[in-house]
Full PDB file with SEQRES, HELIX, SHEET, SSBOND, CRYST1, ORIGX, SCALE, CONECT and MASTER records, all heavy atoms in Angstrom:
SEQRES   1 A   35  SER ALA GLN THR PRO PHE HIS PHE TRP LEU PRO ASN ALA          
SEQRES   2 A   35  MET ALA ALA PRO THR PRO VAL SER ALA TYR LEU HIS SER          
SEQRES   3 A   35  ALA THR MET VAL LYS ALA GLY VAL TYR                          
HELIX    1 AA1 TRP A    9  ASN A   12  1                                   4    
HELIX    2 AA2 ALA A   13  ALA A   15  5                                   3    
HELIX    3 AA3 THR A   18  LEU A   24  1                                   7    
HELIX    4 AA4 MET A   29  LYS A   31  5                                   3    
CRYST1    1.000    1.000    1.000  90.00  90.00  90.00 P 1           1          
ORIGX1      1.000000  0.000000  0.000000        0.00000                         
ORIGX2      0.000000  1.000000  0.000000        0.00000                         
ORIGX3      0.000000  0.000000  1.000000        0.00000                         
SCALE1      1.000000  0.000000  0.000000        0.00000                         
SCALE2      0.000000  1.000000  0.000000        0.00000                         
SCALE3      0.000000  0.000000  1.000000        0.00000                         
ATOM      1  N   SER A   1     113.190 144.209 147.550  1.00  0.00           N  
ATOM      2  CA  SER A   1     112.719 143.068 146.762  1.00  0.00           C  
ATOM      3  C   SER A   1     113.692 142.659 145.717  1.00  0.00           C  
ATOM      4  O   SER A   1     113.286 142.014 144.700  1.00  0.00           O  
ATOM      5  CB  SER A   1     111.340 143.391 146.155  1.00  0.00           C  
ATOM      6  OG  SER A   1     110.343 143.376 147.163  1.00  0.00           O  
ATOM      7  N   ALA A   2     114.944 143.029 145.817  1.00  0.00           N  
ATOM      8  CA  ALA A   2     116.035 142.484 145.025  1.00  0.00           C  
ATOM      9  C   ALA A   2     115.818 142.663 143.519  1.00  0.00           C  
ATOM     10  O   ALA A   2     116.029 141.777 142.713  1.00  0.00           O  
ATOM     11  CB  ALA A   2     116.276 141.035 145.353  1.00  0.00           C  
ATOM     12  N   GLN A   3     115.387 143.888 143.126  1.00  0.00           N  
ATOM     13  CA  GLN A   3     115.276 144.138 141.722  1.00  0.00           C  
ATOM     14  C   GLN A   3     116.640 144.603 141.148  1.00  0.00           C  
ATOM     15  O   GLN A   3     117.442 145.229 141.830  1.00  0.00           O  
ATOM     16  CB  GLN A   3     114.230 145.279 141.454  1.00  0.00           C  
ATOM     17  CG  GLN A   3     112.836 144.924 141.943  1.00  0.00           C  
ATOM     18  CD  GLN A   3     112.286 143.725 141.263  1.00  0.00           C  
ATOM     19  OE1 GLN A   3     112.031 143.741 140.058  1.00  0.00           O  
ATOM     20  NE2 GLN A   3     112.036 142.680 142.019  1.00  0.00           N  
ATOM     21  N   THR A   4     116.883 144.268 139.887  1.00  0.00           N  
ATOM     22  CA  THR A   4     118.116 144.667 139.260  1.00  0.00           C  
ATOM     23  C   THR A   4     118.219 146.193 139.375  1.00  0.00           C  
ATOM     24  O   THR A   4     117.289 146.909 139.115  1.00  0.00           O  
ATOM     25  CB  THR A   4     118.102 144.287 137.745  1.00  0.00           C  
ATOM     26  OG1 THR A   4     117.954 142.820 137.700  1.00  0.00           O  
ATOM     27  CG2 THR A   4     119.368 144.671 137.026  1.00  0.00           C  
ATOM     28  N   PRO A   5     119.382 146.745 139.719  1.00  0.00           N  
ATOM     29  CA  PRO A   5     120.704 146.111 139.908  1.00  0.00           C  
ATOM     30  C   PRO A   5     120.990 145.733 141.337  1.00  0.00           C  
ATOM     31  O   PRO A   5     122.187 145.569 141.737  1.00  0.00           O  
ATOM     32  CB  PRO A   5     121.672 147.214 139.464  1.00  0.00           C  
ATOM     33  CG  PRO A   5     120.981 148.454 139.894  1.00  0.00           C  
ATOM     34  CD  PRO A   5     119.505 148.218 139.715  1.00  0.00           C  
ATOM     35  N   PHE A   6     119.968 145.633 142.193  1.00  0.00           N  
ATOM     36  CA  PHE A   6     120.199 145.299 143.651  1.00  0.00           C  
ATOM     37  C   PHE A   6     119.912 143.809 143.937  1.00  0.00           C  
ATOM     38  O   PHE A   6     119.821 143.450 145.111  1.00  0.00           O  
ATOM     39  CB  PHE A   6     119.253 146.143 144.537  1.00  0.00           C  
ATOM     40  CG  PHE A   6     119.404 147.651 144.259  1.00  0.00           C  
ATOM     41  CD1 PHE A   6     118.367 148.296 143.558  1.00  0.00           C  
ATOM     42  CD2 PHE A   6     120.515 148.335 144.577  1.00  0.00           C  
ATOM     43  CE1 PHE A   6     118.443 149.696 143.300  1.00  0.00           C  
ATOM     44  CE2 PHE A   6     120.598 149.691 144.307  1.00  0.00           C  
ATOM     45  CZ  PHE A   6     119.584 150.392 143.659  1.00  0.00           C  
ATOM     46  N   HIS A   7     119.814 142.985 142.882  1.00  0.00           N  
ATOM     47  CA  HIS A   7     119.423 141.602 143.063  1.00  0.00           C  
ATOM     48  C   HIS A   7     120.441 140.729 143.743  1.00  0.00           C  
ATOM     49  O   HIS A   7     120.127 139.669 144.318  1.00  0.00           O  
ATOM     50  CB  HIS A   7     119.149 141.017 141.669  1.00  0.00           C  
ATOM     51  CG  HIS A   7     120.335 141.004 140.741  1.00  0.00           C  
ATOM     52  ND1 HIS A   7     120.706 142.127 140.026  1.00  0.00           N  
ATOM     53  CD2 HIS A   7     121.309 140.051 140.538  1.00  0.00           C  
ATOM     54  CE1 HIS A   7     121.789 141.845 139.323  1.00  0.00           C  
ATOM     55  NE2 HIS A   7     122.178 140.601 139.605  1.00  0.00           N  
ATOM     56  N   PHE A   8     121.730 141.152 143.740  1.00  0.00           N  
ATOM     57  CA  PHE A   8     122.802 140.217 144.108  1.00  0.00           C  
ATOM     58  C   PHE A   8     122.787 139.910 145.635  1.00  0.00           C  
ATOM     59  O   PHE A   8     123.374 138.851 146.031  1.00  0.00           O  
ATOM     60  CB  PHE A   8     124.162 140.795 143.742  1.00  0.00           C  
ATOM     61  CG  PHE A   8     124.423 142.220 144.264  1.00  0.00           C  
ATOM     62  CD1 PHE A   8     124.987 142.371 145.529  1.00  0.00           C  
ATOM     63  CD2 PHE A   8     124.071 143.343 143.551  1.00  0.00           C  
ATOM     64  CE1 PHE A   8     125.251 143.599 146.054  1.00  0.00           C  
ATOM     65  CE2 PHE A   8     124.319 144.583 144.067  1.00  0.00           C  
ATOM     66  CZ  PHE A   8     124.907 144.722 145.294  1.00  0.00           C  
ATOM     67  N   TRP A   9     122.201 140.797 146.441  1.00  0.00           N  
ATOM     68  CA  TRP A   9     122.303 140.473 147.886  1.00  0.00           C  
ATOM     69  C   TRP A   9     121.404 139.251 148.256  1.00  0.00           C  
ATOM     70  O   TRP A   9     121.773 138.553 149.241  1.00  0.00           O  
ATOM     71  CB  TRP A   9     121.808 141.664 148.723  1.00  0.00           C  
ATOM     72  CG  TRP A   9     120.343 141.985 148.719  1.00  0.00           C  
ATOM     73  CD1 TRP A   9     119.639 142.869 147.928  1.00  0.00           C  
ATOM     74  CD2 TRP A   9     119.384 141.314 149.562  1.00  0.00           C  
ATOM     75  NE1 TRP A   9     118.323 142.864 148.241  1.00  0.00           N  
ATOM     76  CE2 TRP A   9     118.116 141.907 149.215  1.00  0.00           C  
ATOM     77  CE3 TRP A   9     119.404 140.367 150.585  1.00  0.00           C  
ATOM     78  CZ2 TRP A   9     116.919 141.531 149.886  1.00  0.00           C  
ATOM     79  CZ3 TRP A   9     118.225 139.990 151.194  1.00  0.00           C  
ATOM     80  CH2 TRP A   9     117.014 140.568 150.846  1.00  0.00           C  
ATOM     81  N   LEU A  10     120.378 138.954 147.502  1.00  0.00           N  
ATOM     82  CA  LEU A  10     119.441 137.894 147.917  1.00  0.00           C  
ATOM     83  C   LEU A  10     120.131 136.500 147.768  1.00  0.00           C  
ATOM     84  O   LEU A  10     120.082 135.723 148.717  1.00  0.00           O  
ATOM     85  CB  LEU A  10     118.180 138.012 147.107  1.00  0.00           C  
ATOM     86  CG  LEU A  10     116.993 137.173 147.604  1.00  0.00           C  
ATOM     87  CD1 LEU A  10     115.689 137.832 147.221  1.00  0.00           C  
ATOM     88  CD2 LEU A  10     117.024 135.779 147.079  1.00  0.00           C  
ATOM     89  N   PRO A  11     120.756 136.172 146.629  1.00  0.00           N  
ATOM     90  CA  PRO A  11     121.444 134.837 146.575  1.00  0.00           C  
ATOM     91  C   PRO A  11     122.564 134.710 147.608  1.00  0.00           C  
ATOM     92  O   PRO A  11     122.803 133.659 148.149  1.00  0.00           O  
ATOM     93  CB  PRO A  11     121.995 134.802 145.144  1.00  0.00           C  
ATOM     94  CG  PRO A  11     121.083 135.741 144.379  1.00  0.00           C  
ATOM     95  CD  PRO A  11     120.783 136.829 145.315  1.00  0.00           C  
ATOM     96  N   ASN A  12     123.261 135.833 147.866  1.00  0.00           N  
ATOM     97  CA  ASN A  12     124.328 135.777 148.866  1.00  0.00           C  
ATOM     98  C   ASN A  12     123.816 135.542 150.281  1.00  0.00           C  
ATOM     99  O   ASN A  12     124.478 135.023 151.131  1.00  0.00           O  
ATOM    100  CB  ASN A  12     125.176 137.089 148.869  1.00  0.00           C  
ATOM    101  CG  ASN A  12     125.954 137.222 147.578  1.00  0.00           C  
ATOM    102  OD1 ASN A  12     126.233 136.280 146.921  1.00  0.00           O  
ATOM    103  ND2 ASN A  12     126.267 138.439 147.242  1.00  0.00           N  
ATOM    104  N   ALA A  13     122.514 135.917 150.502  1.00  0.00           N  
ATOM    105  CA  ALA A  13     121.888 135.673 151.801  1.00  0.00           C  
ATOM    106  C   ALA A  13     121.672 134.252 152.069  1.00  0.00           C  
ATOM    107  O   ALA A  13     121.194 133.855 153.176  1.00  0.00           O  
ATOM    108  CB  ALA A  13     120.566 136.461 151.882  1.00  0.00           C  
ATOM    109  N   MET A  14     121.966 133.347 151.083  1.00  0.00           N  
ATOM    110  CA  MET A  14     121.817 131.931 151.309  1.00  0.00           C  
ATOM    111  C   MET A  14     122.817 131.398 152.315  1.00  0.00           C  
ATOM    112  O   MET A  14     122.799 130.209 152.706  1.00  0.00           O  
ATOM    113  CB  MET A  14     121.993 131.123 149.995  1.00  0.00           C  
ATOM    114  CG  MET A  14     120.861 131.365 148.978  1.00  0.00           C  
ATOM    115  SD  MET A  14     119.229 130.957 149.613  1.00  0.00           S  
ATOM    116  CE  MET A  14     118.594 132.595 149.941  1.00  0.00           C  
ATOM    117  N   ALA A  15     123.710 132.298 152.775  1.00  0.00           N  
ATOM    118  CA  ALA A  15     124.610 131.886 153.860  1.00  0.00           C  
ATOM    119  C   ALA A  15     123.848 131.672 155.177  1.00  0.00           C  
ATOM    120  O   ALA A  15     124.432 131.045 156.139  1.00  0.00           O  
ATOM    121  CB  ALA A  15     125.692 133.009 154.069  1.00  0.00           C  
ATOM    122  N   ALA A  16     122.647 132.091 155.223  1.00  0.00           N  
ATOM    123  CA  ALA A  16     121.797 131.888 156.386  1.00  0.00           C  
ATOM    124  C   ALA A  16     121.401 130.426 156.486  1.00  0.00           C  
ATOM    125  O   ALA A  16     121.334 129.709 155.471  1.00  0.00           O  
ATOM    126  CB  ALA A  16     120.598 132.777 156.341  1.00  0.00           C  
ATOM    127  N   PRO A  17     121.006 129.944 157.683  1.00  0.00           N  
ATOM    128  CA  PRO A  17     120.487 128.608 157.776  1.00  0.00           C  
ATOM    129  C   PRO A  17     119.191 128.508 156.932  1.00  0.00           C  
ATOM    130  O   PRO A  17     118.500 129.436 156.725  1.00  0.00           O  
ATOM    131  CB  PRO A  17     120.161 128.434 159.293  1.00  0.00           C  
ATOM    132  CG  PRO A  17     121.043 129.424 159.951  1.00  0.00           C  
ATOM    133  CD  PRO A  17     121.190 130.562 158.977  1.00  0.00           C  
ATOM    134  N   THR A  18     118.891 127.232 156.516  1.00  0.00           N  
ATOM    135  CA  THR A  18     117.782 127.013 155.596  1.00  0.00           C  
ATOM    136  C   THR A  18     116.479 127.501 156.127  1.00  0.00           C  
ATOM    137  O   THR A  18     115.659 128.053 155.376  1.00  0.00           O  
ATOM    138  CB  THR A  18     117.731 125.555 155.243  1.00  0.00           C  
ATOM    139  OG1 THR A  18     118.946 125.124 154.563  1.00  0.00           O  
ATOM    140  CG2 THR A  18     116.568 125.243 154.270  1.00  0.00           C  
ATOM    141  N   PRO A  19     116.112 127.364 157.446  1.00  0.00           N  
ATOM    142  CA  PRO A  19     114.846 127.866 157.887  1.00  0.00           C  
ATOM    143  C   PRO A  19     114.713 129.380 157.609  1.00  0.00           C  
ATOM    144  O   PRO A  19     113.585 129.857 157.338  1.00  0.00           O  
ATOM    145  CB  PRO A  19     114.861 127.608 159.403  1.00  0.00           C  
ATOM    146  CG  PRO A  19     115.772 126.440 159.543  1.00  0.00           C  
ATOM    147  CD  PRO A  19     116.826 126.626 158.512  1.00  0.00           C  
ATOM    148  N   VAL A  20     115.779 130.106 157.713  1.00  0.00           N  
ATOM    149  CA  VAL A  20     115.792 131.525 157.422  1.00  0.00           C  
ATOM    150  C   VAL A  20     115.469 131.762 155.964  1.00  0.00           C  
ATOM    151  O   VAL A  20     114.622 132.597 155.599  1.00  0.00           O  
ATOM    152  CB  VAL A  20     117.086 132.186 157.828  1.00  0.00           C  
ATOM    153  CG1 VAL A  20     117.105 133.674 157.426  1.00  0.00           C  
ATOM    154  CG2 VAL A  20     117.356 132.037 159.326  1.00  0.00           C  
ATOM    155  N   SER A  21     116.128 131.051 155.091  1.00  0.00           N  
ATOM    156  CA  SER A  21     115.951 131.208 153.669  1.00  0.00           C  
ATOM    157  C   SER A  21     114.485 130.817 153.272  1.00  0.00           C  
ATOM    158  O   SER A  21     113.833 131.547 152.477  1.00  0.00           O  
ATOM    159  CB  SER A  21     116.920 130.262 152.886  1.00  0.00           C  
ATOM    160  OG  SER A  21     118.234 130.583 153.204  1.00  0.00           O  
ATOM    161  N   ALA A  22     113.993 129.766 153.839  1.00  0.00           N  
ATOM    162  CA  ALA A  22     112.623 129.357 153.529  1.00  0.00           C  
ATOM    163  C   ALA A  22     111.610 130.374 153.944  1.00  0.00           C  
ATOM    164  O   ALA A  22     110.590 130.568 153.277  1.00  0.00           O  
ATOM    165  CB  ALA A  22     112.357 127.987 154.226  1.00  0.00           C  
ATOM    166  N   TYR A  23     111.829 131.067 155.053  1.00  0.00           N  
ATOM    167  CA  TYR A  23     110.889 132.011 155.557  1.00  0.00           C  
ATOM    168  C   TYR A  23     111.003 133.382 154.927  1.00  0.00           C  
ATOM    169  O   TYR A  23     110.024 133.956 154.394  1.00  0.00           O  
ATOM    170  CB  TYR A  23     111.060 132.151 157.097  1.00  0.00           C  
ATOM    171  CG  TYR A  23     109.828 132.740 157.805  1.00  0.00           C  
ATOM    172  CD1 TYR A  23     108.551 132.581 157.287  1.00  0.00           C  
ATOM    173  CD2 TYR A  23     109.980 133.393 158.999  1.00  0.00           C  
ATOM    174  CE1 TYR A  23     107.438 133.132 157.954  1.00  0.00           C  
ATOM    175  CE2 TYR A  23     108.898 133.920 159.674  1.00  0.00           C  
ATOM    176  CZ  TYR A  23     107.627 133.771 159.141  1.00  0.00           C  
ATOM    177  OH  TYR A  23     106.561 134.300 159.785  1.00  0.00           O  
ATOM    178  N   LEU A  24     112.233 133.910 154.868  1.00  0.00           N  
ATOM    179  CA  LEU A  24     112.482 135.259 154.342  1.00  0.00           C  
ATOM    180  C   LEU A  24     112.208 135.278 152.862  1.00  0.00           C  
ATOM    181  O   LEU A  24     111.723 136.295 152.351  1.00  0.00           O  
ATOM    182  CB  LEU A  24     113.861 135.721 154.652  1.00  0.00           C  
ATOM    183  CG  LEU A  24     114.057 136.474 155.935  1.00  0.00           C  
ATOM    184  CD1 LEU A  24     113.826 135.611 157.151  1.00  0.00           C  
ATOM    185  CD2 LEU A  24     115.509 137.039 156.032  1.00  0.00           C  
ATOM    186  N   HIS A  25     112.506 134.230 152.137  1.00  0.00           N  
ATOM    187  CA  HIS A  25     112.490 134.277 150.699  1.00  0.00           C  
ATOM    188  C   HIS A  25     111.300 133.615 150.038  1.00  0.00           C  
ATOM    189  O   HIS A  25     111.239 133.414 148.803  1.00  0.00           O  
ATOM    190  CB  HIS A  25     113.815 133.614 150.171  1.00  0.00           C  
ATOM    191  CG  HIS A  25     115.021 134.322 150.673  1.00  0.00           C  
ATOM    192  ND1 HIS A  25     116.179 133.640 150.954  1.00  0.00           N  
ATOM    193  CD2 HIS A  25     115.222 135.616 151.042  1.00  0.00           C  
ATOM    194  CE1 HIS A  25     117.066 134.491 151.422  1.00  0.00           C  
ATOM    195  NE2 HIS A  25     116.507 135.685 151.474  1.00  0.00           N  
ATOM    196  N   SER A  26     110.285 133.291 150.881  1.00  0.00           N  
ATOM    197  CA  SER A  26     109.076 132.703 150.308  1.00  0.00           C  
ATOM    198  C   SER A  26     107.950 133.744 150.314  1.00  0.00           C  
ATOM    199  O   SER A  26     107.508 134.200 149.297  1.00  0.00           O  
ATOM    200  CB  SER A  26     108.679 131.441 151.096  1.00  0.00           C  
ATOM    201  OG  SER A  26     108.495 131.728 152.460  1.00  0.00           O  
ATOM    202  N   ALA A  27     107.513 134.083 151.500  1.00  0.00           N  
ATOM    203  CA  ALA A  27     106.334 134.962 151.593  1.00  0.00           C  
ATOM    204  C   ALA A  27     106.553 136.221 152.415  1.00  0.00           C  
ATOM    205  O   ALA A  27     105.617 137.013 152.550  1.00  0.00           O  
ATOM    206  CB  ALA A  27     105.160 134.178 152.258  1.00  0.00           C  
ATOM    207  N   THR A  28     107.730 136.453 152.868  1.00  0.00           N  
ATOM    208  CA  THR A  28     107.925 137.504 153.873  1.00  0.00           C  
ATOM    209  C   THR A  28     108.803 138.628 153.380  1.00  0.00           C  
ATOM    210  O   THR A  28     108.407 139.403 152.488  1.00  0.00           O  
ATOM    211  CB  THR A  28     108.430 136.930 155.204  1.00  0.00           C  
ATOM    212  OG1 THR A  28     109.595 136.141 154.961  1.00  0.00           O  
ATOM    213  CG2 THR A  28     107.365 136.023 155.819  1.00  0.00           C  
ATOM    214  N   MET A  29     110.037 138.711 153.896  1.00  0.00           N  
ATOM    215  CA  MET A  29     110.822 139.953 153.735  1.00  0.00           C  
ATOM    216  C   MET A  29     110.981 140.451 152.254  1.00  0.00           C  
ATOM    217  O   MET A  29     110.762 141.564 151.939  1.00  0.00           O  
ATOM    218  CB  MET A  29     112.217 139.771 154.345  1.00  0.00           C  
ATOM    219  CG  MET A  29     113.093 140.983 154.124  1.00  0.00           C  
ATOM    220  SD  MET A  29     114.745 140.725 154.661  1.00  0.00           S  
ATOM    221  CE  MET A  29     115.614 142.110 153.951  1.00  0.00           C  
ATOM    222  N   VAL A  30     111.359 139.508 151.411  1.00  0.00           N  
ATOM    223  CA  VAL A  30     111.642 139.929 150.022  1.00  0.00           C  
ATOM    224  C   VAL A  30     110.399 140.393 149.264  1.00  0.00           C  
ATOM    225  O   VAL A  30     110.494 141.054 148.261  1.00  0.00           O  
ATOM    226  CB  VAL A  30     112.300 138.807 149.257  1.00  0.00           C  
ATOM    227  CG1 VAL A  30     113.757 138.542 149.778  1.00  0.00           C  
ATOM    228  CG2 VAL A  30     111.516 137.536 149.230  1.00  0.00           C  
ATOM    229  N   LYS A  31     109.264 140.003 149.824  1.00  0.00           N  
ATOM    230  CA  LYS A  31     107.972 140.478 149.215  1.00  0.00           C  
ATOM    231  C   LYS A  31     107.470 141.770 149.853  1.00  0.00           C  
ATOM    232  O   LYS A  31     106.412 142.255 149.471  1.00  0.00           O  
ATOM    233  CB  LYS A  31     106.911 139.399 149.271  1.00  0.00           C  
ATOM    234  CG  LYS A  31     107.154 138.244 148.339  1.00  0.00           C  
ATOM    235  CD  LYS A  31     105.885 137.431 148.167  1.00  0.00           C  
ATOM    236  CE  LYS A  31     106.134 136.309 147.119  1.00  0.00           C  
ATOM    237  NZ  LYS A  31     106.875 135.192 147.638  1.00  0.00           N  
ATOM    238  N   ALA A  32     108.257 142.347 150.796  1.00  0.00           N  
ATOM    239  CA  ALA A  32     107.818 143.607 151.413  1.00  0.00           C  
ATOM    240  C   ALA A  32     107.768 144.759 150.384  1.00  0.00           C  
ATOM    241  O   ALA A  32     106.842 145.525 150.374  1.00  0.00           O  
ATOM    242  CB  ALA A  32     108.776 143.991 152.538  1.00  0.00           C  
ATOM    243  N   GLY A  33     108.744 144.754 149.503  1.00  0.00           N  
ATOM    244  CA  GLY A  33     108.776 145.797 148.491  1.00  0.00           C  
ATOM    245  C   GLY A  33     107.637 145.620 147.497  1.00  0.00           C  
ATOM    246  O   GLY A  33     106.926 146.551 147.089  1.00  0.00           O  
ATOM    247  N   VAL A  34     107.324 144.359 147.182  1.00  0.00           N  
ATOM    248  CA  VAL A  34     106.188 144.057 146.263  1.00  0.00           C  
ATOM    249  C   VAL A  34     104.894 144.466 146.952  1.00  0.00           C  
ATOM    250  O   VAL A  34     103.972 145.057 146.308  1.00  0.00           O  
ATOM    251  CB  VAL A  34     106.178 142.540 145.934  1.00  0.00           C  
ATOM    252  CG1 VAL A  34     104.909 142.182 145.195  1.00  0.00           C  
ATOM    253  CG2 VAL A  34     107.378 142.194 145.045  1.00  0.00           C  
ATOM    254  N   TYR A  35     104.804 144.195 148.248  1.00  0.00           N  
ATOM    255  CA  TYR A  35     103.577 144.599 148.967  1.00  0.00           C  
ATOM    256  C   TYR A  35     103.375 146.106 148.918  1.00  0.00           C  
ATOM    257  O   TYR A  35     102.257 146.550 148.660  1.00  0.00           O  
ATOM    258  CB  TYR A  35     103.681 144.157 150.422  1.00  0.00           C  
ATOM    259  CG  TYR A  35     102.623 144.788 151.325  1.00  0.00           C  
ATOM    260  CD1 TYR A  35     101.371 144.287 151.357  1.00  0.00           C  
ATOM    261  CD2 TYR A  35     102.931 145.914 152.065  1.00  0.00           C  
ATOM    262  CE1 TYR A  35     100.384 144.881 152.133  1.00  0.00           C  
ATOM    263  CE2 TYR A  35     101.962 146.529 152.845  1.00  0.00           C  
ATOM    264  CZ  TYR A  35     100.668 145.991 152.868  1.00  0.00           C  
ATOM    265  OH  TYR A  35      99.740 146.621 153.647  1.00  0.00           O  
TER     266      TYR A  35                                                      
MASTER        0    0    0    4    0    0    0    6  265    1    0    3          
END                                                                             
């Protein structure tokens, strides 16, 4: 879930196509740690 000091990988993941960013970074993968 990209907490400091591991936060930097998430903005760099914007190299992915926008559908990937919209899906992974809204309700899914990045919230797995929060879940």
